[in-house]
Amino acid sequence: MRPRRISLKLYWEDKHSAISINGDNLNQTIEHPQTIDFTSFAHGVLEAYRKAYGELEVVPISFREEIYRNEKVSIDLYPTGSAGIFDIFVEYRQRK
């Protein structure tokens, strides 16, 4: 099972977070009792993918959006700060 979308949702009023992981036969949400900052979330996901798939090159797309990729995987980081959501979309280029 490989994630296709990993999302962080911040609940400002309750000061907690939820991380959702979705993909083929994968639909899981994990509640966290504190808010998780976007930078730490992105770094954690990227570090996990670097360990699994190797070094990633960055391709800036817009002010908010970046894509990290190599010949095996492409990871699109898309934060929406005003909505308190950080979506990460993953495309696998070849079987692991």
PDB file of N, CA and C in Angstrom:
ATOM      1  N   MET A   1       0.834  -1.185   0.000  1.00  0.00           N
ATOM      2  CA  MET A   1       0.000   0.000   0.000  1.00  0.00           C
ATOM      3  C   MET A   1       0.874   1.242   0.000  1.00  0.00           C
ATOM      4  N   ARG A   2       0.640   2.087  -0.980  1.00  0.00           N
ATOM      5  CA  ARG A   2       1.417   3.323  -1.079  1.00  0.00           C
ATOM      6  C   ARG A   2       0.474   4.522  -1.075  1.00  0.00           C
ATOM      7  N   PRO A   3       0.773   5.520  -0.253  1.00  0.00           N
ATOM      8  CA  PRO A   3      -0.071   6.718  -0.207  1.00  0.00           C
ATOM      9  C   PRO A   3      -0.049   7.473  -1.532  1.00  0.00           C
ATOM     10  N   ARG A   4      -1.181   8.015  -1.904  1.00  0.00           N
ATOM     11  CA  ARG A   4      -1.294   8.907  -3.057  1.00  0.00           C
ATOM     12  C   ARG A   4      -1.504  10.348  -2.604  1.00  0.00           C
ATOM     13  N   ARG A   5      -2.061  10.487  -1.400  1.00  0.00           N
ATOM     14  CA  ARG A   5      -2.306  11.819  -0.834  1.00  0.00           C
ATOM     15  C   ARG A   5      -2.087  11.742   0.675  1.00  0.00           C
ATOM     16  N   ILE A   6      -1.300  12.690   1.183  1.00  0.00           N
ATOM     17  CA  ILE A   6      -1.046  12.813   2.613  1.00  0.00           C
ATOM     18  C   ILE A   6      -1.418  14.248   2.984  1.00  0.00           C
ATOM     19  N   SER A   7      -2.344  14.399   3.914  1.00  0.00           N
ATOM     20  CA  SER A   7      -2.841  15.741   4.242  1.00  0.00           C
ATOM     21  C   SER A   7      -2.720  16.035   5.726  1.00  0.00           C
ATOM     22  N   LEU A   8      -2.371  17.264   6.009  1.00  0.00           N
ATOM     23  CA  LEU A   8      -2.359  17.777   7.377  1.00  0.00           C
ATOM     24  C   LEU A   8      -3.471  18.806   7.473  1.00  0.00           C
ATOM     25  N   LYS A   9      -4.353  18.654   8.450  1.00  0.00           N
ATOM     26  CA  LYS A   9      -5.423  19.620   8.701  1.00  0.00           C
ATOM     27  C   LYS A   9      -5.229  20.172  10.102  1.00  0.00           C
ATOM     28  N   LEU A  10      -5.151  21.495  10.183  1.00  0.00           N
ATOM     29  CA  LEU A  10      -4.997  22.163  11.480  1.00  0.00           C
ATOM     30  C   LEU A  10      -6.355  22.656  11.958  1.00  0.00           C
ATOM     31  N   TYR A  11      -6.665  22.378  13.208  1.00  0.00           N
ATOM     32  CA  TYR A  11      -7.887  22.856  13.843  1.00  0.00           C
ATOM     33  C   TYR A  11      -7.480  23.925  14.853  1.00  0.00           C
ATOM     34  N   TRP A  12      -7.484  25.168  14.395  1.00  0.00           N
ATOM     35  CA  TRP A  12      -6.977  26.278  15.198  1.00  0.00           C
ATOM     36  C   TRP A  12      -7.748  26.445  16.497  1.00  0.00           C
ATOM     37  N   GLU A  13      -9.078  26.328  16.431  1.00  0.00           N
ATOM     38  CA  GLU A  13      -9.889  26.589  17.621  1.00  0.00           C
ATOM     39  C   GLU A  13      -9.620  25.574  18.741  1.00  0.00           C
ATOM     40  N   ASP A  14      -9.355  24.327  18.393  1.00  0.00           N
ATOM     41  CA  ASP A  14      -9.081  23.280  19.387  1.00  0.00           C
ATOM     42  C   ASP A  14      -7.593  23.012  19.578  1.00  0.00           C
ATOM     43  N   LYS A  15      -6.774  23.663  18.766  1.00  0.00           N
ATOM     44  CA  LYS A  15      -5.317  23.506  18.816  1.00  0.00           C
ATOM     45  C   LYS A  15      -4.881  22.042  18.706  1.00  0.00           C
ATOM     46  N   HIS A  16      -5.409  21.372  17.677  1.00  0.00           N
ATOM     47  CA  HIS A  16      -4.955  20.010  17.385  1.00  0.00           C
ATOM     48  C   HIS A  16      -4.870  19.830  15.875  1.00  0.00           C
ATOM     49  N   SER A  17      -4.366  18.697  15.441  1.00  0.00           N
ATOM     50  CA  SER A  17      -4.146  18.415  14.025  1.00  0.00           C
ATOM     51  C   SER A  17      -4.663  17.029  13.678  1.00  0.00           C
ATOM     52  N   ALA A  18      -4.854  16.813  12.391  1.00  0.00           N
ATOM     53  CA  ALA A  18      -5.193  15.483  11.889  1.00  0.00           C
ATOM     54  C   ALA A  18      -4.389  15.247  10.620  1.00  0.00           C
ATOM     55  N   ILE A  19      -3.801  14.066  10.523  1.00  0.00           N
ATOM     56  CA  ILE A  19      -3.071  13.672   9.323  1.00  0.00           C
ATOM     57  C   ILE A  19      -3.860  12.555   8.657  1.00  0.00           C
ATOM     58  N   SER A  20      -4.195  12.751   7.381  1.00  0.00           N
ATOM     59  CA  SER A  20      -4.916  11.743   6.605  1.00  0.00           C
ATOM     60  C   SER A  20      -3.986  11.161   5.557  1.00  0.00           C
ATOM     61  N   ILE A  21      -4.044   9.850   5.413  1.00  0.00           N
ATOM     62  CA  ILE A  21      -3.229   9.148   4.429  1.00  0.00           C
ATOM     63  C   ILE A  21      -4.180   8.343   3.557  1.00  0.00           C
ATOM     64  N   ASN A  22      -4.182   8.640   2.259  1.00  0.00           N
ATOM     65  CA  ASN A  22      -5.097   7.989   1.334  1.00  0.00           C
ATOM     66  C   ASN A  22      -4.351   7.443   0.126  1.00  0.00           C
ATOM     67  N   GLY A  23      -4.836   6.324  -0.386  1.00  0.00           N
ATOM     68  CA  GLY A  23      -4.263   5.708  -1.576  1.00  0.00           C
ATOM     69  C   GLY A  23      -5.040   4.469  -1.924  1.00  0.00           C
ATOM     70  N   ASP A  24      -4.475   3.631  -2.753  1.00  0.00           N
ATOM     71  CA  ASP A  24      -5.121   2.382  -3.112  1.00  0.00           C
ATOM     72  C   ASP A  24      -5.272   1.521  -1.872  1.00  0.00           C
ATOM     73  N   ASN A  25      -6.509   1.189  -1.512  1.00  0.00           N
ATOM     74  CA  ASN A  25      -6.803   0.390  -0.320  1.00  0.00           C
ATOM     75  C   ASN A  25      -6.214   0.985   0.957  1.00  0.00           C
ATOM     76  N   LEU A  26      -6.136   2.303   1.010  1.00  0.00           N
ATOM     77  CA  LEU A  26      -5.549   2.987   2.155  1.00  0.00           C
ATOM     78  C   LEU A  26      -6.359   4.241   2.449  1.00  0.00           C
ATOM     79  N   ASN A  27      -6.927   4.301   3.652  1.00  0.00           N
ATOM     80  CA  ASN A  27      -7.699   5.463   4.068  1.00  0.00           C
ATOM     81  C   ASN A  27      -7.616   5.534   5.593  1.00  0.00           C
ATOM     82  N   GLN A  28      -6.683   6.341   6.087  1.00  0.00           N
ATOM     83  CA  GLN A  28      -6.423   6.396   7.518  1.00  0.00           C
ATOM     84  C   GLN A  28      -6.284   7.845   7.958  1.00  0.00           C
ATOM     85  N   THR A  29      -6.851   8.166   9.109  1.00  0.00           N
ATOM     86  CA  THR A  29      -6.692   9.489   9.703  1.00  0.00           C
ATOM     87  C   THR A  29      -6.169   9.322  11.114  1.00  0.00           C
ATOM     88  N   ILE A  30      -5.140  10.106  11.436  1.00  0.00           N
ATOM     89  CA  ILE A  30      -4.510  10.063  12.741  1.00  0.00           C
ATOM     90  C   ILE A  30      -4.678  11.436  13.386  1.00  0.00           C
ATOM     91  N   GLU A  31      -5.303  11.475  14.534  1.00  0.00           N
ATOM     92  CA  GLU A  31      -5.483  12.727  15.278  1.00  0.00           C
ATOM     93  C   GLU A  31      -4.238  12.979  16.128  1.00  0.00           C
ATOM     94  N   HIS A  32      -3.830  14.238  16.221  1.00  0.00           N
ATOM     95  CA  HIS A  32      -2.680  14.621  17.041  1.00  0.00           C
ATOM     96  C   HIS A  32      -3.136  15.705  18.016  1.00  0.00           C
ATOM     97  N   PRO A  33      -2.791  15.600  19.295  1.00  0.00           N
ATOM     98  CA  PRO A  33      -3.328  16.525  20.306  1.00  0.00           C
ATOM     99  C   PRO A  33      -2.776  17.950  20.232  1.00  0.00           C
ATOM    100  N   GLN A  34      -1.795  18.215  19.368  1.00  0.00           N
ATOM    101  CA  GLN A  34      -1.233  19.560  19.221  1.00  0.00           C
ATOM    102  C   GLN A  34      -1.234  19.945  17.750  1.00  0.00           C
ATOM    103  N   THR A  35      -1.040  21.234  17.471  1.00  0.00           N
ATOM    104  CA  THR A  35      -0.898  21.647  16.088  1.00  0.00           C
ATOM    105  C   THR A  35       0.507  21.296  15.605  1.00  0.00           C
ATOM    106  N   ILE A  36       0.585  20.859  14.368  1.00  0.00           N
ATOM    107  CA  ILE A  36       1.854  20.511  13.731  1.00  0.00           C
ATOM    108  C   ILE A  36       2.125  21.591  12.684  1.00  0.00           C
ATOM    109  N   ASP A  37       3.292  22.195  12.735  1.00  0.00           N
ATOM    110  CA  ASP A  37       3.565  23.247  11.755  1.00  0.00           C
ATOM    111  C   ASP A  37       3.834  22.634  10.379  1.00  0.00           C
ATOM    112  N   PHE A  38       3.489  23.394   9.348  1.00  0.00           N
ATOM    113  CA  PHE A  38       3.603  22.924   7.966  1.00  0.00           C
ATOM    114  C   PHE A  38       5.029  22.509   7.615  1.00  0.00           C
ATOM    115  N   THR A  39       6.011  23.273   8.075  1.00  0.00           N
ATOM    116  CA  THR A  39       7.407  22.981   7.740  1.00  0.00           C
ATOM    117  C   THR A  39       7.838  21.627   8.291  1.00  0.00           C
ATOM    118  N   SER A  40       7.535  21.363   9.543  1.00  0.00           N
ATOM    119  CA  SER A  40       7.892  20.070  10.137  1.00  0.00           C
ATOM    120  C   SER A  40       7.195  18.919   9.431  1.00  0.00           C
ATOM    121  N   PHE A  41       5.934  19.119   9.092  1.00  0.00           N
ATOM    122  CA  PHE A  41       5.169  18.104   8.374  1.00  0.00           C
ATOM    123  C   PHE A  41       5.818  17.778   7.026  1.00  0.00           C
ATOM    124  N   ALA A  42       6.121  18.820   6.251  1.00  0.00           N
ATOM    125  CA  ALA A  42       6.737  18.624   4.933  1.00  0.00           C
ATOM    126  C   ALA A  42       8.100  17.958   5.054  1.00  0.00           C
ATOM    127  N   HIS A  43       8.922  18.417   5.984  1.00  0.00           N
ATOM    128  CA  HIS A  43      10.250  17.828   6.171  1.00  0.00           C
ATOM    129  C   HIS A  43      10.160  16.355   6.546  1.00  0.00           C
ATOM    130  N   GLY A  44       9.214  16.006   7.400  1.00  0.00           N
ATOM    131  CA  GLY A  44       9.042  14.614   7.804  1.00  0.00           C
ATOM    132  C   GLY A  44       8.649  13.713   6.644  1.00  0.00           C
ATOM    133  N   VAL A  45       7.714  14.179   5.832  1.00  0.00           N
ATOM    134  CA  VAL A  45       7.280  13.394   4.672  1.00  0.00           C
ATOM    135  C   VAL A  45       8.417  13.261   3.667  1.00  0.00           C
ATOM    136  N   LEU A  46       9.087  14.360   3.371  1.00  0.00           N
ATOM    137  CA  LEU A  46      10.189  14.312   2.404  1.00  0.00           C
ATOM    138  C   LEU A  46      11.326  13.417   2.885  1.00  0.00           C
ATOM    139  N   GLU A  47      11.648  13.480   4.165  1.00  0.00           N
ATOM    140  CA  GLU A  47      12.713  12.631   4.717  1.00  0.00           C
ATOM    141  C   GLU A  47      12.357  11.149   4.559  1.00  0.00           C
ATOM    142  N   ALA A  48      11.118  10.805   4.824  1.00  0.00           N
ATOM    143  CA  ALA A  48      10.685   9.410   4.674  1.00  0.00           C
ATOM    144  C   ALA A  48      10.802   8.957   3.219  1.00  0.00           C
ATOM    145  N   TYR A  49      10.424   9.819   2.288  1.00  0.00           N
ATOM    146  CA  TYR A  49      10.520   9.455   0.871  1.00  0.00           C
ATOM    147  C   TYR A  49      11.968   9.412   0.390  1.00  0.00           C
ATOM    148  N   ARG A  50      12.826  10.274   0.920  1.00  0.00           N
ATOM    149  CA  ARG A  50      14.249  10.208   0.564  1.00  0.00           C
ATOM    150  C   ARG A  50      14.870   8.894   1.031  1.00  0.00           C
ATOM    151  N   LYS A  51      14.505   8.451   2.230  1.00  0.00           N
ATOM    152  CA  LYS A  51      15.026   7.176   2.735  1.00  0.00           C
ATOM    153  C   LYS A  51      14.556   6.011   1.872  1.00  0.00           C
ATOM    154  N   ALA A  52      13.320   6.061   1.422  1.00  0.00           N
ATOM    155  CA  ALA A  52      12.744   4.956   0.646  1.00  0.00           C
ATOM    156  C   ALA A  52      13.121   4.997  -0.832  1.00  0.00           C
ATOM    157  N   TYR A  53      13.245   6.204  -1.418  1.00  0.00           N
ATOM    158  CA  TYR A  53      13.392   6.324  -2.869  1.00  0.00           C
ATOM    159  C   TYR A  53      14.643   7.063  -3.331  1.00  0.00           C
ATOM    160  N   GLY A  54      15.461   7.560  -2.415  1.00  0.00           N
ATOM    161  CA  GLY A  54      16.683   8.257  -2.815  1.00  0.00           C
ATOM    162  C   GLY A  54      16.505   9.766  -2.877  1.00  0.00           C
ATOM    163  N   GLU A  55      17.567  10.438  -3.268  1.00  0.00           N
ATOM    164  CA  GLU A  55      17.600  11.896  -3.307  1.00  0.00           C
ATOM    165  C   GLU A  55      16.539  12.438  -4.261  1.00  0.00           C
ATOM    166  N   LEU A  56      15.986  13.598  -3.920  1.00  0.00           N
ATOM    167  CA  LEU A  56      14.926  14.234  -4.698  1.00  0.00           C
ATOM    168  C   LEU A  56      15.375  15.620  -5.138  1.00  0.00           C
ATOM    169  N   GLU A  57      15.062  15.981  -6.375  1.00  0.00           N
ATOM    170  CA  GLU A  57      15.339  17.341  -6.836  1.00  0.00           C
ATOM    171  C   GLU A  57      14.078  18.178  -6.679  1.00  0.00           C
ATOM    172  N   VAL A  58      14.253  19.462  -6.390  1.00  0.00           N
ATOM    173  CA  VAL A  58      13.109  20.342  -6.195  1.00  0.00           C
ATOM    174  C   VAL A  58      12.819  21.114  -7.487  1.00  0.00           C
ATOM    175  N   VAL A  59      11.522  21.218  -7.799  1.00  0.00           N
ATOM    176  CA  VAL A  59      11.067  21.982  -8.959  1.00  0.00           C
ATOM    177  C   VAL A  59      10.041  22.992  -8.439  1.00  0.00           C
ATOM    178  N   PRO A  60      10.412  24.283  -8.354  1.00  0.00           N
ATOM    179  CA  PRO A  60       9.448  25.280  -7.891  1.00  0.00           C
ATOM    180  C   PRO A  60       8.330  25.448  -8.924  1.00  0.00           C
ATOM    181  N   ILE A  61       7.096  25.474  -8.455  1.00  0.00           N
ATOM    182  CA  ILE A  61       5.945  25.629  -9.348  1.00  0.00           C
ATOM    183  C   ILE A  61       5.325  27.011  -9.193  1.00  0.00           C
ATOM    184  N   SER A  62       5.049  27.403  -7.968  1.00  0.00           N
ATOM    185  CA  SER A  62       4.466  28.713  -7.693  1.00  0.00           C
ATOM    186  C   SER A  62       4.931  29.173  -6.316  1.00  0.00           C
ATOM    187  N   PHE A  63       4.360  30.274  -5.867  1.00  0.00           N
ATOM    188  CA  PHE A  63       4.731  30.821  -4.558  1.00  0.00           C
ATOM    189  C   PHE A  63       4.574  29.780  -3.459  1.00  0.00           C
ATOM    190  N   ARG A  64       3.517  28.978  -3.506  1.00  0.00           N
ATOM    191  CA  ARG A  64       3.240  27.988  -2.465  1.00  0.00           C
ATOM    192  C   ARG A  64       3.645  26.572  -2.830  1.00  0.00           C
ATOM    193  N   GLU A  65       3.647  26.260  -4.083  1.00  0.00           N
ATOM    194  CA  GLU A  65       3.750  24.861  -4.502  1.00  0.00           C
ATOM    195  C   GLU A  65       5.145  24.497  -5.001  1.00  0.00           C
ATOM    196  N   GLU A  66       5.605  23.309  -4.587  1.00  0.00           N
ATOM    197  CA  GLU A  66       6.876  22.756  -5.055  1.00  0.00           C
ATOM    198  C   GLU A  66       6.673  21.276  -5.347  1.00  0.00           C
ATOM    199  N   ILE A  67       7.455  20.771  -6.283  1.00  0.00           N
ATOM    200  CA  ILE A  67       7.458  19.342  -6.573  1.00  0.00           C
ATOM    201  C   ILE A  67       8.870  18.823  -6.309  1.00  0.00           C
ATOM    202  N   TYR A  68       8.942  17.715  -5.602  1.00  0.00           N
ATOM    203  CA  TYR A  68      10.207  17.021  -5.364  1.00  0.00           C
ATOM    204  C   TYR A  68      10.117  15.720  -6.146  1.00  0.00           C
ATOM    205  N   ARG A  69      11.159  15.407  -6.909  1.00  0.00           N
ATOM    206  CA  ARG A  69      11.050  14.218  -7.748  1.00  0.00           C
ATOM    207  C   ARG A  69      12.398  13.598  -8.057  1.00  0.00           C
ATOM    208  N   ASN A  70      12.317  12.357  -8.473  1.00  0.00           N
ATOM    209  CA  ASN A  70      13.435  11.637  -9.071  1.00  0.00           C
ATOM    210  C   ASN A  70      12.823  10.635 -10.052  1.00  0.00           C
ATOM    211  N   GLU A  71      13.593   9.672 -10.513  1.00  0.00           N
ATOM    212  CA  GLU A  71      13.087   8.739 -11.519  1.00  0.00           C
ATOM    213  C   GLU A  71      12.064   7.751 -10.949  1.00  0.00           C
ATOM    214  N   LYS A  72      11.909   7.707  -9.617  1.00  0.00           N
ATOM    215  CA  LYS A  72      11.006   6.742  -8.982  1.00  0.00           C
ATOM    216  C   LYS A  72       9.700   7.343  -8.471  1.00  0.00           C
ATOM    217  N   VAL A  73       9.753   8.615  -8.045  1.00  0.00           N
ATOM    218  CA  VAL A  73       8.599   9.211  -7.369  1.00  0.00           C
ATOM    219  C   VAL A  73       8.541  10.719  -7.620  1.00  0.00           C
ATOM    220  N   SER A  74       7.332  11.260  -7.595  1.00  0.00           N
ATOM    221  CA  SER A  74       7.116  12.696  -7.707  1.00  0.00           C
ATOM    222  C   SER A  74       6.184  13.101  -6.563  1.00  0.00           C
ATOM    223  N   ILE A  75       6.590  14.115  -5.787  1.00  0.00           N
ATOM    224  CA  ILE A  75       5.852  14.534  -4.602  1.00  0.00           C
ATOM    225  C   ILE A  75       5.512  16.014  -4.744  1.00  0.00           C
ATOM    226  N   ASP A  76       4.222  16.316  -4.831  1.00  0.00           N
ATOM    227  CA  ASP A  76       3.728  17.670  -5.030  1.00  0.00           C
ATOM    228  C   ASP A  76       3.256  18.220  -3.685  1.00  0.00           C
ATOM    229  N   LEU A  77       3.951  19.236  -3.172  1.00  0.00           N
ATOM    230  CA  LEU A  77       3.602  19.866  -1.902  1.00  0.00           C
ATOM    231  C   LEU A  77       2.724  21.076  -2.178  1.00  0.00           C
ATOM    232  N   TYR A  78       1.526  21.075  -1.592  1.00  0.00           N
ATOM    233  CA  TYR A  78       0.593  22.164  -1.827  1.00  0.00           C
ATOM    234  C   TYR A  78      -0.061  22.621  -0.512  1.00  0.00           C
ATOM    235  N   PRO A  79       0.545  23.606   0.160  1.00  0.00           N
ATOM    236  CA  PRO A  79      -0.047  24.118   1.398  1.00  0.00           C
ATOM    237  C   PRO A  79      -1.097  25.195   1.126  1.00  0.00           C
ATOM    238  N   THR A  80      -2.166  25.160   1.874  1.00  0.00           N
ATOM    239  CA  THR A  80      -3.191  26.202   1.842  1.00  0.00           C
ATOM    240  C   THR A  80      -3.305  26.731   3.261  1.00  0.00           C
ATOM    241  N   GLY A  81      -2.423  27.630   3.605  1.00  0.00           N
ATOM    242  CA  GLY A  81      -2.322  28.127   4.971  1.00  0.00           C
ATOM    243  C   GLY A  81      -3.588  28.758   5.491  1.00  0.00           C
ATOM    244  N   SER A  82      -4.283  29.524   4.665  1.00  0.00           N
ATOM    245  CA  SER A  82      -5.490  30.203   5.142  1.00  0.00           C
ATOM    246  C   SER A  82      -6.580  29.205   5.524  1.00  0.00           C
ATOM    247  N   ALA A  83      -6.581  28.028   4.898  1.00  0.00           N
ATOM    248  CA  ALA A  83      -7.567  26.993   5.219  1.00  0.00           C
ATOM    249  C   ALA A  83      -7.031  26.014   6.262  1.00  0.00           C
ATOM    250  N   GLY A  84      -5.754  26.135   6.605  1.00  0.00           N
ATOM    251  CA  GLY A  84      -5.161  25.226   7.583  1.00  0.00           C
ATOM    252  C   GLY A  84      -4.961  23.822   7.045  1.00  0.00           C
ATOM    253  N   ILE A  85      -4.742  23.709   5.744  1.00  0.00           N
ATOM    254  CA  ILE A  85      -4.575  22.397   5.103  1.00  0.00           C
ATOM    255  C   ILE A  85      -3.270  22.368   4.316  1.00  0.00           C
ATOM    256  N   PHE A  86      -2.558  21.265   4.423  1.00  0.00           N
ATOM    257  CA  PHE A  86      -1.340  21.030   3.634  1.00  0.00           C
ATOM    258  C   PHE A  86      -1.522  19.677   2.960  1.00  0.00           C
ATOM    259  N   ASP A  87      -1.696  19.701   1.652  1.00  0.00           N
ATOM    260  CA  ASP A  87      -1.846  18.472   0.875  1.00  0.00           C
ATOM    261  C   ASP A  87      -0.535  18.107   0.215  1.00  0.00           C
ATOM    262  N   ILE A  88      -0.219  16.839   0.252  1.00  0.00           N
ATOM    263  CA  ILE A  88       0.935  16.304  -0.457  1.00  0.00           C
ATOM    264  C   ILE A  88       0.425  15.189  -1.358  1.00  0.00           C
ATOM    265  N   PHE A  89       0.638  15.361  -2.664  1.00  0.00           N
ATOM    266  CA  PHE A  89       0.188  14.380  -3.652  1.00  0.00           C
ATOM    267  C   PHE A  89       1.405  13.599  -4.141  1.00  0.00           C
ATOM    268  N   VAL A  90       1.282  12.280  -4.180  1.00  0.00           N
ATOM    269  CA  VAL A  90       2.404  11.424  -4.531  1.00  0.00           C
ATOM    270  C   VAL A  90       2.075  10.626  -5.788  1.00  0.00           C
ATOM    271  N   GLU A  91       3.014  10.648  -6.725  1.00  0.00           N
ATOM    272  CA  GLU A  91       2.894   9.834  -7.951  1.00  0.00           C
ATOM    273  C   GLU A  91       4.120   8.935  -8.021  1.00  0.00           C
ATOM    274  N   TYR A  92       3.871   7.659  -8.159  1.00  0.00           N
ATOM    275  CA  TYR A  92       4.967   6.686  -8.245  1.00  0.00           C
ATOM    276  C   TYR A  92       5.247   6.437  -9.713  1.00  0.00           C
ATOM    277  N   ARG A  93       6.499   6.628 -10.112  1.00  0.00           N
ATOM    278  CA  ARG A  93       6.871   6.515 -11.512  1.00  0.00           C
ATOM    279  C   ARG A  93       7.228   5.093 -11.916  1.00  0.00           C
ATOM    280  N   GLN A  94       7.578   4.264 -10.952  1.00  0.00           N
ATOM    281  CA  GLN A  94       7.888   2.872 -11.225  1.00  0.00           C
ATOM    282  C   GLN A  94       7.620   2.056  -9.979  1.00  0.00           C
ATOM    283  N   ARG A  95       7.492   0.799 -10.151  1.00  0.00           N
ATOM    284  CA  ARG A  95       7.257  -0.089  -8.999  1.00  0.00           C
ATOM    285  C   ARG A  95       8.494  -0.116  -8.121  1.00  0.00           C
ATOM    286  N   LYS A  96       8.257  -0.147  -6.819  1.00  0.00           N
ATOM    287  CA  LYS A  96       9.379  -0.240  -5.876  1.00  0.00           C
ATOM    288  C   LYS A  96       9.818  -1.665  -5.741  1.00  0.00           C
TER     289      LYS A  96
END
